[in-house]
Amino acid sequence: MVQSRAEDVDQYLAELPDARRGALTELRALCRAELTGFREVMAYGMPGECLRFRTPEKIDFPLVRDLLRATAATRGPAC
């Protein structure tokens, strides 16, 4: 799914195939945990604007956590 007509992230995740939903749900939880004070948005038919992965099973979640922590620490624009 390249673009969705979902109005929010919950709806977007519900539309995903099972093979992608688990990884993106985990990624969302990680973003919510590490990026407190940031606002979750839909943009261009997808959640957020910064993180893109072609192959969910290859997501390096510890690396993503470190990057999110660094982003949160700067308190500037996320992207």
N, C-alpha and C. Protein backbone atom coordinates (compact mmCIF):
# COMPACT_ATOMS: atom_id res chain seq x y z
N MET A 1 0.85 -1.17 0.00
CA MET A 1 0.00 0.00 0.00
C MET A 1 0.90 1.23 0.00
N VAL A 2 0.85 2.00 -1.05
CA VAL A 2 1.67 3.20 -1.14
C VAL A 2 0.99 4.36 -0.46
N GLN A 3 -0.28 4.58 -0.77
CA GLN A 3 -1.03 5.64 -0.12
C GLN A 3 -2.37 5.11 0.34
N SER A 4 -2.85 5.69 1.39
CA SER A 4 -4.12 5.27 1.96
C SER A 4 -5.03 6.49 2.07
N ARG A 5 -6.31 6.24 2.12
CA ARG A 5 -7.27 7.32 2.36
C ARG A 5 -7.65 7.37 3.85
N ALA A 6 -6.92 6.64 4.67
CA ALA A 6 -7.19 6.61 6.11
C ALA A 6 -7.07 8.02 6.69
N GLU A 7 -7.95 8.30 7.62
CA GLU A 7 -7.95 9.63 8.25
C GLU A 7 -7.04 9.69 9.47
N ASP A 8 -6.70 8.52 10.02
CA ASP A 8 -5.80 8.52 11.17
C ASP A 8 -4.96 7.24 11.13
N VAL A 9 -4.00 7.16 12.03
CA VAL A 9 -3.05 6.05 12.03
C VAL A 9 -3.74 4.73 12.40
N ASP A 10 -4.69 4.77 13.31
CA ASP A 10 -5.41 3.53 13.66
C ASP A 10 -6.08 2.93 12.43
N GLN A 11 -6.75 3.76 11.66
CA GLN A 11 -7.42 3.30 10.45
C GLN A 11 -6.39 2.80 9.42
N TYR A 12 -5.28 3.51 9.29
CA TYR A 12 -4.22 3.09 8.37
C TYR A 12 -3.71 1.70 8.74
N LEU A 13 -3.41 1.48 10.02
CA LEU A 13 -2.90 0.18 10.45
C LEU A 13 -3.92 -0.93 10.23
N ALA A 14 -5.19 -0.63 10.42
CA ALA A 14 -6.23 -1.64 10.23
C ALA A 14 -6.32 -2.10 8.77
N GLU A 15 -5.94 -1.24 7.84
CA GLU A 15 -5.99 -1.56 6.41
C GLU A 15 -4.80 -2.38 5.93
N LEU A 16 -3.74 -2.42 6.72
CA LEU A 16 -2.51 -3.08 6.27
C LEU A 16 -2.63 -4.60 6.25
N PRO A 17 -1.87 -5.24 5.35
CA PRO A 17 -1.78 -6.70 5.41
C PRO A 17 -1.08 -7.11 6.71
N ASP A 18 -1.42 -8.30 7.19
CA ASP A 18 -0.83 -8.79 8.45
C ASP A 18 0.69 -8.74 8.44
N ALA A 19 1.30 -9.03 7.31
CA ALA A 19 2.76 -9.08 7.22
C ALA A 19 3.41 -7.73 7.54
N ARG A 20 2.71 -6.64 7.31
CA ARG A 20 3.26 -5.30 7.58
C ARG A 20 2.75 -4.70 8.89
N ARG A 21 1.55 -5.09 9.28
CA ARG A 21 0.91 -4.45 10.43
C ARG A 21 1.73 -4.61 11.72
N GLY A 22 2.26 -5.79 11.97
CA GLY A 22 3.01 -6.03 13.21
C GLY A 22 4.21 -5.12 13.36
N ALA A 23 5.02 -5.03 12.31
CA ALA A 23 6.21 -4.19 12.37
C ALA A 23 5.85 -2.72 12.51
N LEU A 24 4.84 -2.28 11.78
CA LEU A 24 4.47 -0.86 11.85
C LEU A 24 3.78 -0.52 13.16
N THR A 25 3.09 -1.47 13.75
CA THR A 25 2.51 -1.25 15.07
C THR A 25 3.62 -1.12 16.11
N GLU A 26 4.64 -1.96 15.99
CA GLU A 26 5.79 -1.87 16.89
C GLU A 26 6.53 -0.55 16.70
N LEU A 27 6.70 -0.14 15.46
CA LEU A 27 7.37 1.13 15.17
C LEU A 27 6.58 2.30 15.74
N ARG A 28 5.26 2.25 15.61
CA ARG A 28 4.41 3.31 16.17
C ARG A 28 4.56 3.37 17.68
N ALA A 29 4.55 2.22 18.34
CA ALA A 29 4.70 2.19 19.80
C ALA A 29 6.04 2.77 20.22
N LEU A 30 7.07 2.47 19.46
CA LEU A 30 8.40 3.00 19.74
C LEU A 30 8.41 4.52 19.59
N CYS A 31 7.81 5.02 18.53
CA CYS A 31 7.73 6.48 18.32
C CYS A 31 6.96 7.16 19.46
N ARG A 32 5.85 6.57 19.83
CA ARG A 32 5.05 7.15 20.92
C ARG A 32 5.82 7.16 22.24
N ALA A 33 6.60 6.12 22.48
CA ALA A 33 7.35 6.04 23.73
C ALA A 33 8.51 7.03 23.76
N GLU A 34 9.17 7.20 22.64
CA GLU A 34 10.39 8.01 22.62
C GLU A 34 10.16 9.47 22.22
N LEU A 35 9.09 9.76 21.53
CA LEU A 35 8.86 11.11 21.03
C LEU A 35 7.71 11.78 21.77
N THR A 36 7.80 11.80 23.08
CA THR A 36 6.76 12.46 23.86
C THR A 36 6.76 13.95 23.51
N GLY A 37 5.58 14.50 23.40
CA GLY A 37 5.45 15.90 23.04
C GLY A 37 5.35 16.14 21.54
N PHE A 38 5.59 15.11 20.74
CA PHE A 38 5.43 15.23 19.30
C PHE A 38 4.00 14.81 18.95
N ARG A 39 3.51 15.28 17.82
CA ARG A 39 2.15 15.01 17.39
C ARG A 39 2.15 13.98 16.27
N GLU A 40 1.30 12.98 16.39
CA GLU A 40 1.17 11.95 15.35
C GLU A 40 0.28 12.51 14.24
N VAL A 41 0.74 12.40 12.99
CA VAL A 41 -0.01 12.94 11.86
C VAL A 41 -0.02 11.94 10.70
N MET A 42 -0.97 12.14 9.82
CA MET A 42 -0.99 11.44 8.54
C MET A 42 -0.51 12.43 7.49
N ALA A 43 0.35 11.98 6.60
CA ALA A 43 0.86 12.84 5.53
C ALA A 43 1.07 11.99 4.28
N TYR A 44 0.57 12.47 3.17
CA TYR A 44 0.73 11.76 1.90
C TYR A 44 0.19 10.33 1.97
N GLY A 45 -0.88 10.14 2.71
CA GLY A 45 -1.51 8.83 2.81
C GLY A 45 -0.79 7.84 3.70
N MET A 46 0.15 8.32 4.52
CA MET A 46 0.91 7.46 5.42
C MET A 46 1.13 8.17 6.74
N PRO A 47 1.38 7.42 7.81
CA PRO A 47 1.68 8.07 9.09
C PRO A 47 3.02 8.79 9.02
N GLY A 48 3.06 9.98 9.60
CA GLY A 48 4.32 10.73 9.69
C GLY A 48 4.92 11.06 8.35
N GLU A 49 6.14 11.53 8.39
CA GLU A 49 6.82 11.90 7.16
C GLU A 49 8.26 11.43 7.11
N CYS A 50 8.78 10.91 8.21
CA CYS A 50 10.23 10.72 8.30
C CYS A 50 10.72 9.29 8.13
N LEU A 51 9.97 8.32 8.59
CA LEU A 51 10.46 6.94 8.59
C LEU A 51 9.82 6.15 7.47
N ARG A 52 10.64 5.58 6.61
CA ARG A 52 10.15 4.76 5.51
C ARG A 52 10.95 3.47 5.46
N PHE A 53 10.26 2.35 5.36
CA PHE A 53 10.92 1.05 5.27
C PHE A 53 10.25 0.22 4.20
N ARG A 54 11.04 -0.37 3.34
CA ARG A 54 10.50 -1.23 2.28
C ARG A 54 10.24 -2.64 2.80
N THR A 55 11.07 -3.11 3.71
CA THR A 55 10.99 -4.48 4.18
C THR A 55 10.86 -4.48 5.70
N PRO A 56 9.64 -4.62 6.21
CA PRO A 56 9.43 -4.53 7.66
C PRO A 56 10.29 -5.47 8.49
N GLU A 57 10.55 -6.68 7.99
CA GLU A 57 11.33 -7.62 8.79
C GLU A 57 12.79 -7.23 8.91
N LYS A 58 13.23 -6.23 8.16
CA LYS A 58 14.62 -5.78 8.25
C LYS A 58 14.77 -4.51 9.09
N ILE A 59 13.71 -4.05 9.73
CA ILE A 59 13.80 -2.86 10.57
C ILE A 59 14.68 -3.16 11.77
N ASP A 60 15.67 -2.34 11.98
CA ASP A 60 16.58 -2.46 13.12
C ASP A 60 16.00 -1.62 14.26
N PHE A 61 15.12 -2.22 15.07
CA PHE A 61 14.42 -1.47 16.10
C PHE A 61 15.34 -0.84 17.15
N PRO A 62 16.43 -1.48 17.58
CA PRO A 62 17.34 -0.79 18.51
C PRO A 62 17.96 0.47 17.89
N LEU A 63 18.30 0.40 16.61
CA LEU A 63 18.85 1.59 15.93
C LEU A 63 17.78 2.67 15.83
N VAL A 64 16.57 2.29 15.47
CA VAL A 64 15.48 3.26 15.37
C VAL A 64 15.24 3.91 16.73
N ARG A 65 15.27 3.13 17.81
CA ARG A 65 15.09 3.69 19.16
C ARG A 65 16.17 4.75 19.44
N ASP A 66 17.41 4.45 19.10
CA ASP A 66 18.50 5.41 19.32
C ASP A 66 18.28 6.69 18.51
N LEU A 67 17.84 6.55 17.27
CA LEU A 67 17.59 7.72 16.42
C LEU A 67 16.42 8.55 16.96
N LEU A 68 15.39 7.88 17.43
CA LEU A 68 14.25 8.60 18.00
C LEU A 68 14.65 9.34 19.27
N ARG A 69 15.47 8.72 20.09
CA ARG A 69 15.95 9.38 21.31
C ARG A 69 16.77 10.62 20.97
N ALA A 70 17.62 10.51 19.95
CA ALA A 70 18.42 11.65 19.53
C ALA A 70 17.52 12.77 19.00
N THR A 71 16.50 12.41 18.26
CA THR A 71 15.54 13.40 17.74
C THR A 71 14.83 14.10 18.89
N ALA A 72 14.37 13.32 19.86
CA ALA A 72 13.66 13.90 21.00
C ALA A 72 14.56 14.83 21.81
N ALA A 73 15.82 14.49 21.88
CA ALA A 73 16.76 15.30 22.68
C ALA A 73 17.04 16.66 22.06
N THR A 74 16.92 16.77 20.74
CA THR A 74 17.23 18.05 20.07
C THR A 74 16.10 19.04 20.16
N ARG A 75 14.86 18.54 20.29
CA ARG A 75 13.64 19.35 20.40
C ARG A 75 13.44 20.30 19.23
N GLY A 76 14.14 20.09 18.14
CA GLY A 76 13.90 20.86 16.92
C GLY A 76 12.93 20.11 16.03
N PRO A 77 12.80 20.54 14.77
CA PRO A 77 11.92 19.83 13.85
C PRO A 77 12.41 18.38 13.68
N ALA A 78 11.46 17.45 13.61
CA ALA A 78 11.82 16.04 13.48
C ALA A 78 12.44 15.74 12.13
N CYS A 79 12.01 16.40 11.08
CA CYS A 79 12.55 16.15 9.74
C CYS A 79 12.85 17.46 9.04
